[in-house]
Amino acid sequence: MITIREEQHQDIHPIHEVNIQAFGQNQEADLVDKIRKSSNDLISLVAVVHNTIVGHIFFSPVTIESIAKKTIRGMGLAPMAVLPAFHYSIRCEWDVPDTAFMIVLLDESQMRESAGIARYLPEFAEAM
């Protein structure tokens, strides 16, 4: 069973390692560490399986400079990382990089020894 919870101080090193393994480089892991030190306005969540962090999702502040000369503040999602061993044998119906396609199974018993193609609502295809 997967548990989603807020990052805790002792998670910093495992989060760093998850990002390295997910992206195959240090860039995203170092980015998370740098932003964590420079901003207090963050949302950092981890996915935990059997007391091991297997995924990480990170929201940090962004500003949007609108054409009406108005600045809008929000949160941007990046990076999002999952250990490669937890990318199920499921592929996206569109040709997207593995690092851009991630899923979470809410009922893992439904997917035991299964594989397949993830199909989205037709509205997604219309937007492509």
N, C-alpha and C. Protein backbone atom coordinates (compact mmCIF):
# COMPACT_ATOMS: atom_id res chain seq x y z
N MET A 1 0.84 -1.18 0.00
CA MET A 1 0.00 0.00 0.00
C MET A 1 0.89 1.25 0.00
N ILE A 2 0.50 2.21 -0.80
CA ILE A 2 1.25 3.46 -0.90
C ILE A 2 0.64 4.49 0.04
N THR A 3 1.50 5.15 0.81
CA THR A 3 1.09 6.25 1.68
C THR A 3 1.68 7.53 1.13
N ILE A 4 0.87 8.58 1.05
CA ILE A 4 1.34 9.89 0.63
C ILE A 4 1.36 10.78 1.87
N ARG A 5 2.50 11.43 2.12
CA ARG A 5 2.61 12.31 3.29
C ARG A 5 3.54 13.46 2.99
N GLU A 6 3.51 14.47 3.85
CA GLU A 6 4.41 15.60 3.71
C GLU A 6 5.85 15.18 3.99
N GLU A 7 6.76 15.83 3.30
CA GLU A 7 8.18 15.62 3.54
C GLU A 7 8.52 15.93 5.00
N GLN A 8 9.40 15.12 5.57
CA GLN A 8 9.94 15.38 6.91
C GLN A 8 11.45 15.56 6.77
N HIS A 9 12.06 16.16 7.78
CA HIS A 9 13.49 16.47 7.70
C HIS A 9 14.34 15.23 7.35
N GLN A 10 14.02 14.10 7.93
CA GLN A 10 14.82 12.89 7.68
C GLN A 10 14.61 12.34 6.26
N ASP A 11 13.69 12.93 5.49
CA ASP A 11 13.44 12.49 4.12
C ASP A 11 14.34 13.15 3.09
N ILE A 12 15.09 14.16 3.49
CA ILE A 12 15.84 14.96 2.52
C ILE A 12 16.80 14.10 1.69
N HIS A 13 17.60 13.26 2.33
CA HIS A 13 18.53 12.41 1.57
C HIS A 13 17.80 11.39 0.69
N PRO A 14 16.80 10.66 1.22
CA PRO A 14 16.08 9.73 0.33
C PRO A 14 15.39 10.43 -0.84
N ILE A 15 14.86 11.63 -0.63
CA ILE A 15 14.24 12.38 -1.72
C ILE A 15 15.29 12.71 -2.79
N HIS A 16 16.46 13.11 -2.34
CA HIS A 16 17.57 13.41 -3.26
C HIS A 16 17.87 12.17 -4.12
N GLU A 17 17.96 11.02 -3.48
CA GLU A 17 18.27 9.78 -4.19
C GLU A 17 17.16 9.37 -5.15
N VAL A 18 15.89 9.54 -4.76
CA VAL A 18 14.76 9.22 -5.64
C VAL A 18 14.83 10.07 -6.91
N ASN A 19 15.12 11.35 -6.75
CA ASN A 19 15.21 12.23 -7.92
C ASN A 19 16.38 11.85 -8.83
N ILE A 20 17.51 11.48 -8.26
CA ILE A 20 18.65 11.05 -9.08
C ILE A 20 18.28 9.79 -9.87
N GLN A 21 17.69 8.82 -9.20
CA GLN A 21 17.35 7.56 -9.88
C GLN A 21 16.26 7.76 -10.92
N ALA A 22 15.27 8.61 -10.62
CA ALA A 22 14.17 8.82 -11.55
C ALA A 22 14.61 9.54 -12.82
N PHE A 23 15.52 10.51 -12.68
CA PHE A 23 15.94 11.30 -13.83
C PHE A 23 17.29 10.89 -14.41
N GLY A 24 18.00 10.01 -13.70
CA GLY A 24 19.29 9.55 -14.20
C GLY A 24 20.38 10.60 -14.19
N GLN A 25 20.20 11.62 -13.35
CA GLN A 25 21.19 12.70 -13.23
C GLN A 25 20.94 13.44 -11.92
N ASN A 26 21.85 14.32 -11.56
CA ASN A 26 21.73 15.06 -10.30
C ASN A 26 20.94 16.36 -10.42
N GLN A 27 20.71 16.85 -11.61
CA GLN A 27 20.17 18.19 -11.82
C GLN A 27 18.86 18.44 -11.04
N GLU A 28 17.89 17.57 -11.15
CA GLU A 28 16.62 17.77 -10.47
C GLU A 28 16.76 17.63 -8.96
N ALA A 29 17.56 16.68 -8.51
CA ALA A 29 17.79 16.49 -7.07
C ALA A 29 18.45 17.72 -6.47
N ASP A 30 19.44 18.26 -7.16
CA ASP A 30 20.13 19.47 -6.68
C ASP A 30 19.19 20.68 -6.69
N LEU A 31 18.32 20.75 -7.69
CA LEU A 31 17.34 21.84 -7.77
C LEU A 31 16.40 21.82 -6.56
N VAL A 32 15.89 20.66 -6.22
CA VAL A 32 15.01 20.54 -5.05
C VAL A 32 15.74 21.01 -3.80
N ASP A 33 16.97 20.56 -3.61
CA ASP A 33 17.74 20.96 -2.43
C ASP A 33 17.96 22.47 -2.38
N LYS A 34 18.27 23.05 -3.52
CA LYS A 34 18.52 24.49 -3.58
C LYS A 34 17.26 25.29 -3.27
N ILE A 35 16.13 24.89 -3.86
CA ILE A 35 14.87 25.61 -3.61
C ILE A 35 14.42 25.42 -2.16
N ARG A 36 14.62 24.25 -1.63
CA ARG A 36 14.24 24.00 -0.23
C ARG A 36 14.97 24.97 0.71
N LYS A 37 16.23 25.29 0.39
CA LYS A 37 17.01 26.21 1.23
C LYS A 37 16.61 27.67 1.04
N SER A 38 16.08 28.02 -0.14
CA SER A 38 15.82 29.42 -0.44
C SER A 38 14.36 29.85 -0.26
N SER A 39 13.45 28.89 -0.05
CA SER A 39 12.03 29.25 0.03
C SER A 39 11.34 28.45 1.14
N ASN A 40 10.49 29.14 1.87
CA ASN A 40 9.69 28.46 2.90
C ASN A 40 8.30 28.12 2.40
N ASP A 41 7.93 28.64 1.25
CA ASP A 41 6.58 28.46 0.71
C ASP A 41 6.57 27.30 -0.28
N LEU A 42 6.67 26.07 0.24
CA LEU A 42 6.78 24.87 -0.58
C LEU A 42 5.75 23.83 -0.17
N ILE A 43 5.45 22.96 -1.10
CA ILE A 43 4.70 21.74 -0.79
C ILE A 43 5.56 20.60 -1.31
N SER A 44 5.99 19.75 -0.42
CA SER A 44 6.85 18.63 -0.79
C SER A 44 6.24 17.36 -0.19
N LEU A 45 5.79 16.48 -1.06
CA LEU A 45 5.12 15.25 -0.64
C LEU A 45 5.92 14.04 -1.09
N VAL A 46 5.87 12.99 -0.29
CA VAL A 46 6.54 11.74 -0.65
C VAL A 46 5.53 10.60 -0.70
N ALA A 47 5.85 9.64 -1.56
CA ALA A 47 5.09 8.39 -1.62
C ALA A 47 5.94 7.33 -0.92
N VAL A 48 5.34 6.64 0.02
CA VAL A 48 6.08 5.68 0.85
C VAL A 48 5.45 4.29 0.71
N VAL A 49 6.31 3.29 0.47
CA VAL A 49 5.89 1.90 0.44
C VAL A 49 6.78 1.13 1.39
N HIS A 50 6.20 0.46 2.36
CA HIS A 50 6.96 -0.31 3.35
C HIS A 50 8.09 0.52 3.96
N ASN A 51 7.78 1.72 4.40
CA ASN A 51 8.73 2.63 5.05
C ASN A 51 9.87 3.10 4.15
N THR A 52 9.72 2.95 2.84
CA THR A 52 10.73 3.40 1.88
C THR A 52 10.11 4.44 0.96
N ILE A 53 10.80 5.56 0.79
CA ILE A 53 10.31 6.60 -0.12
C ILE A 53 10.55 6.14 -1.55
N VAL A 54 9.46 6.05 -2.32
CA VAL A 54 9.54 5.59 -3.70
C VAL A 54 9.16 6.69 -4.70
N GLY A 55 8.64 7.80 -4.19
CA GLY A 55 8.25 8.89 -5.08
C GLY A 55 8.28 10.22 -4.36
N HIS A 56 8.36 11.29 -5.15
CA HIS A 56 8.42 12.64 -4.59
C HIS A 56 7.74 13.60 -5.56
N ILE A 57 6.98 14.52 -5.01
CA ILE A 57 6.32 15.56 -5.80
C ILE A 57 6.57 16.89 -5.10
N PHE A 58 6.92 17.91 -5.88
CA PHE A 58 7.42 19.16 -5.33
C PHE A 58 6.72 20.35 -5.98
N PHE A 59 6.10 21.18 -5.16
CA PHE A 59 5.48 22.42 -5.63
C PHE A 59 6.24 23.59 -5.03
N SER A 60 6.56 24.58 -5.88
CA SER A 60 7.26 25.77 -5.40
C SER A 60 6.60 27.00 -6.03
N PRO A 61 6.85 28.17 -5.43
CA PRO A 61 6.19 29.38 -5.90
C PRO A 61 6.53 29.74 -7.34
N VAL A 62 5.52 30.21 -8.05
CA VAL A 62 5.70 30.77 -9.39
C VAL A 62 4.89 32.06 -9.47
N THR A 63 5.31 32.92 -10.37
CA THR A 63 4.52 34.13 -10.64
C THR A 63 4.21 34.15 -12.13
N ILE A 64 3.03 34.62 -12.43
CA ILE A 64 2.59 34.75 -13.81
C ILE A 64 2.40 36.23 -14.08
N GLU A 65 3.12 36.72 -15.05
CA GLU A 65 2.98 38.11 -15.44
C GLU A 65 1.96 38.16 -16.57
N SER A 66 0.74 38.56 -16.24
CA SER A 66 -0.34 38.54 -17.22
C SER A 66 -0.22 39.69 -18.20
N ILE A 67 -0.93 39.57 -19.31
CA ILE A 67 -0.89 40.62 -20.32
C ILE A 67 -1.57 41.89 -19.82
N ALA A 68 -2.36 41.76 -18.74
CA ALA A 68 -3.01 42.93 -18.13
C ALA A 68 -2.08 43.62 -17.13
N LYS A 69 -0.78 43.30 -17.21
CA LYS A 69 0.23 43.90 -16.30
C LYS A 69 -0.06 43.60 -14.84
N LYS A 70 -0.64 42.46 -14.60
CA LYS A 70 -0.97 42.03 -13.25
C LYS A 70 -0.12 40.80 -12.94
N THR A 71 0.41 40.73 -11.74
CA THR A 71 1.21 39.57 -11.33
C THR A 71 0.33 38.63 -10.51
N ILE A 72 0.30 37.39 -10.92
CA ILE A 72 -0.49 36.37 -10.24
C ILE A 72 0.48 35.39 -9.61
N ARG A 73 0.25 35.08 -8.35
CA ARG A 73 1.12 34.14 -7.65
C ARG A 73 0.43 32.77 -7.58
N GLY A 74 1.23 31.73 -7.72
CA GLY A 74 0.72 30.37 -7.66
C GLY A 74 1.81 29.40 -7.27
N MET A 75 1.56 28.14 -7.54
CA MET A 75 2.54 27.10 -7.25
C MET A 75 2.76 26.29 -8.53
N GLY A 76 4.03 25.98 -8.80
CA GLY A 76 4.38 25.16 -9.96
C GLY A 76 4.77 23.76 -9.51
N LEU A 77 4.38 22.78 -10.29
CA LEU A 77 4.71 21.39 -10.01
C LEU A 77 5.96 21.00 -10.80
N ALA A 78 7.04 20.73 -10.10
CA ALA A 78 8.27 20.25 -10.72
C ALA A 78 9.36 20.21 -9.67
N PRO A 79 10.11 19.18 -9.63
CA PRO A 79 9.94 17.95 -10.39
C PRO A 79 8.99 16.98 -9.68
N MET A 80 8.64 15.97 -10.41
CA MET A 80 7.88 14.84 -9.86
C MET A 80 8.70 13.61 -10.21
N ALA A 81 9.01 12.79 -9.22
CA ALA A 81 9.92 11.66 -9.44
C ALA A 81 9.38 10.39 -8.81
N VAL A 82 9.59 9.27 -9.50
CA VAL A 82 9.22 7.95 -9.00
C VAL A 82 10.39 7.02 -9.29
N LEU A 83 10.74 6.19 -8.33
CA LEU A 83 11.80 5.21 -8.58
C LEU A 83 11.45 4.36 -9.80
N PRO A 84 12.41 4.10 -10.67
CA PRO A 84 12.11 3.34 -11.89
C PRO A 84 11.45 1.99 -11.63
N ALA A 85 11.76 1.34 -10.52
CA ALA A 85 11.15 0.04 -10.22
C ALA A 85 9.65 0.15 -9.98
N PHE A 86 9.12 1.36 -9.77
CA PHE A 86 7.70 1.55 -9.52
C PHE A 86 6.99 2.13 -10.76
N HIS A 87 7.60 2.15 -11.90
CA HIS A 87 6.86 2.44 -13.16
C HIS A 87 6.29 1.11 -13.62
N TYR A 88 5.01 0.90 -13.44
CA TYR A 88 4.34 -0.35 -13.79
C TYR A 88 4.48 -0.62 -15.28
N SER A 89 4.17 -1.82 -15.71
CA SER A 89 4.24 -2.17 -17.14
C SER A 89 3.03 -1.61 -17.87
N ILE A 90 2.88 -0.33 -17.75
CA ILE A 90 1.77 0.37 -18.39
C ILE A 90 2.40 1.49 -19.20
N ARG A 91 1.91 1.69 -20.39
CA ARG A 91 2.43 2.79 -21.19
C ARG A 91 1.29 3.71 -21.60
N CYS A 92 1.64 4.91 -21.91
CA CYS A 92 0.68 5.92 -22.29
C CYS A 92 0.21 5.69 -23.73
N GLU A 93 -1.01 6.06 -24.03
CA GLU A 93 -1.52 5.90 -25.39
C GLU A 93 -0.82 6.83 -26.38
N TRP A 94 -0.15 7.86 -25.88
CA TRP A 94 0.59 8.78 -26.74
C TRP A 94 2.08 8.55 -26.58
N ASP A 95 2.84 8.98 -27.54
CA ASP A 95 4.28 8.82 -27.50
C ASP A 95 4.89 9.91 -26.63
N VAL A 96 5.04 9.61 -25.34
CA VAL A 96 5.63 10.57 -24.39
C VAL A 96 6.80 9.89 -23.69
N PRO A 97 7.77 10.65 -23.24
CA PRO A 97 8.91 10.05 -22.53
C PRO A 97 8.44 9.39 -21.23
N ASP A 98 9.11 8.34 -20.83
CA ASP A 98 8.78 7.66 -19.58
C ASP A 98 8.78 8.61 -18.40
N THR A 99 9.68 9.58 -18.42
CA THR A 99 9.76 10.51 -17.29
C THR A 99 8.56 11.45 -17.22
N ALA A 100 7.80 11.55 -18.31
CA ALA A 100 6.62 12.42 -18.31
C ALA A 100 5.34 11.66 -18.02
N PHE A 101 5.39 10.35 -18.00
CA PHE A 101 4.20 9.52 -17.78
C PHE A 101 4.36 8.74 -16.49
N MET A 102 3.59 9.10 -15.50
CA MET A 102 3.63 8.41 -14.22
C MET A 102 2.22 8.16 -13.74
N ILE A 103 2.02 7.04 -13.08
CA ILE A 103 0.71 6.71 -12.56
C ILE A 103 0.85 6.24 -11.12
N VAL A 104 -0.27 6.24 -10.43
CA VAL A 104 -0.33 5.62 -9.11
C VAL A 104 -1.56 4.72 -9.12
N LEU A 105 -1.39 3.51 -8.67
CA LEU A 105 -2.50 2.58 -8.59
C LEU A 105 -3.09 2.64 -7.19
N LEU A 106 -4.37 2.91 -7.13
CA LEU A 106 -5.02 2.98 -5.83
C LEU A 106 -5.39 1.60 -5.32
N ASP A 107 -5.52 0.64 -6.22
CA ASP A 107 -5.81 -0.74 -5.84
C ASP A 107 -4.87 -1.65 -6.62
N GLU A 108 -3.69 -1.89 -6.04
CA GLU A 108 -2.67 -2.67 -6.73
C GLU A 108 -3.12 -4.08 -7.08
N SER A 109 -4.08 -4.62 -6.34
CA SER A 109 -4.54 -5.97 -6.63
C SER A 109 -5.17 -6.07 -8.01
N GLN A 110 -5.66 -4.96 -8.54
CA GLN A 110 -6.26 -4.95 -9.87
C GLN A 110 -5.22 -5.13 -10.98
N MET A 111 -3.97 -4.81 -10.70
CA MET A 111 -2.93 -4.84 -11.73
C MET A 111 -1.92 -5.96 -11.57
N ARG A 112 -2.11 -6.84 -10.62
CA ARG A 112 -1.14 -7.92 -10.43
C ARG A 112 -0.99 -8.71 -11.73
N GLU A 113 0.26 -8.86 -12.15
CA GLU A 113 0.59 -9.61 -13.36
C GLU A 113 -0.15 -9.10 -14.58
N SER A 114 -0.36 -7.80 -14.65
CA SER A 114 -1.02 -7.19 -15.79
C SER A 114 -0.13 -6.11 -16.39
N ALA A 115 -0.43 -5.78 -17.60
CA ALA A 115 0.26 -4.70 -18.30
C ALA A 115 -0.75 -4.13 -19.29
N GLY A 116 -0.40 -2.99 -19.87
CA GLY A 116 -1.33 -2.46 -20.85
C GLY A 116 -1.08 -1.02 -21.20
N ILE A 117 -2.08 -0.43 -21.84
CA ILE A 117 -2.03 0.95 -22.31
C ILE A 117 -3.02 1.78 -21.50
N ALA A 118 -2.56 2.90 -20.98
CA ALA A 118 -3.44 3.83 -20.26
C ALA A 118 -4.14 4.71 -21.29
N ARG A 119 -5.46 4.69 -21.27
CA ARG A 119 -6.26 5.50 -22.19
C ARG A 119 -6.99 6.57 -21.38
N TYR A 120 -6.89 7.80 -21.83
CA TYR A 120 -7.48 8.95 -21.15
C TYR A 120 -8.82 9.31 -21.76
N LEU A 121 -9.50 10.25 -21.14
CA LEU A 121 -10.77 10.75 -21.67
C LEU A 121 -10.54 11.37 -23.06
N PRO A 122 -11.53 11.34 -23.94
CA PRO A 122 -11.36 11.88 -25.29
C PRO A 122 -10.93 13.34 -25.32
N GLU A 123 -11.29 14.10 -24.31
CA GLU A 123 -10.91 15.52 -24.26
C GLU A 123 -9.40 15.70 -24.26
N PHE A 124 -8.66 14.74 -23.70
CA PHE A 124 -7.20 14.84 -23.70
C PHE A 124 -6.68 14.74 -25.13
N ALA A 125 -7.20 13.81 -25.91
CA ALA A 125 -6.76 13.65 -27.29
C ALA A 125 -7.08 14.89 -28.11
N GLU A 126 -8.21 15.51 -27.85
CA GLU A 126 -8.60 16.72 -28.58
C GLU A 126 -7.63 17.87 -28.30
N ALA A 127 -7.04 17.86 -27.13
CA ALA A 127 -6.11 18.93 -26.74
C ALA A 127 -4.70 18.69 -27.27
N MET A 128 -4.43 17.50 -27.72
CA MET A 128 -3.08 17.14 -28.18
C MET A 128 -2.78 17.74 -29.52
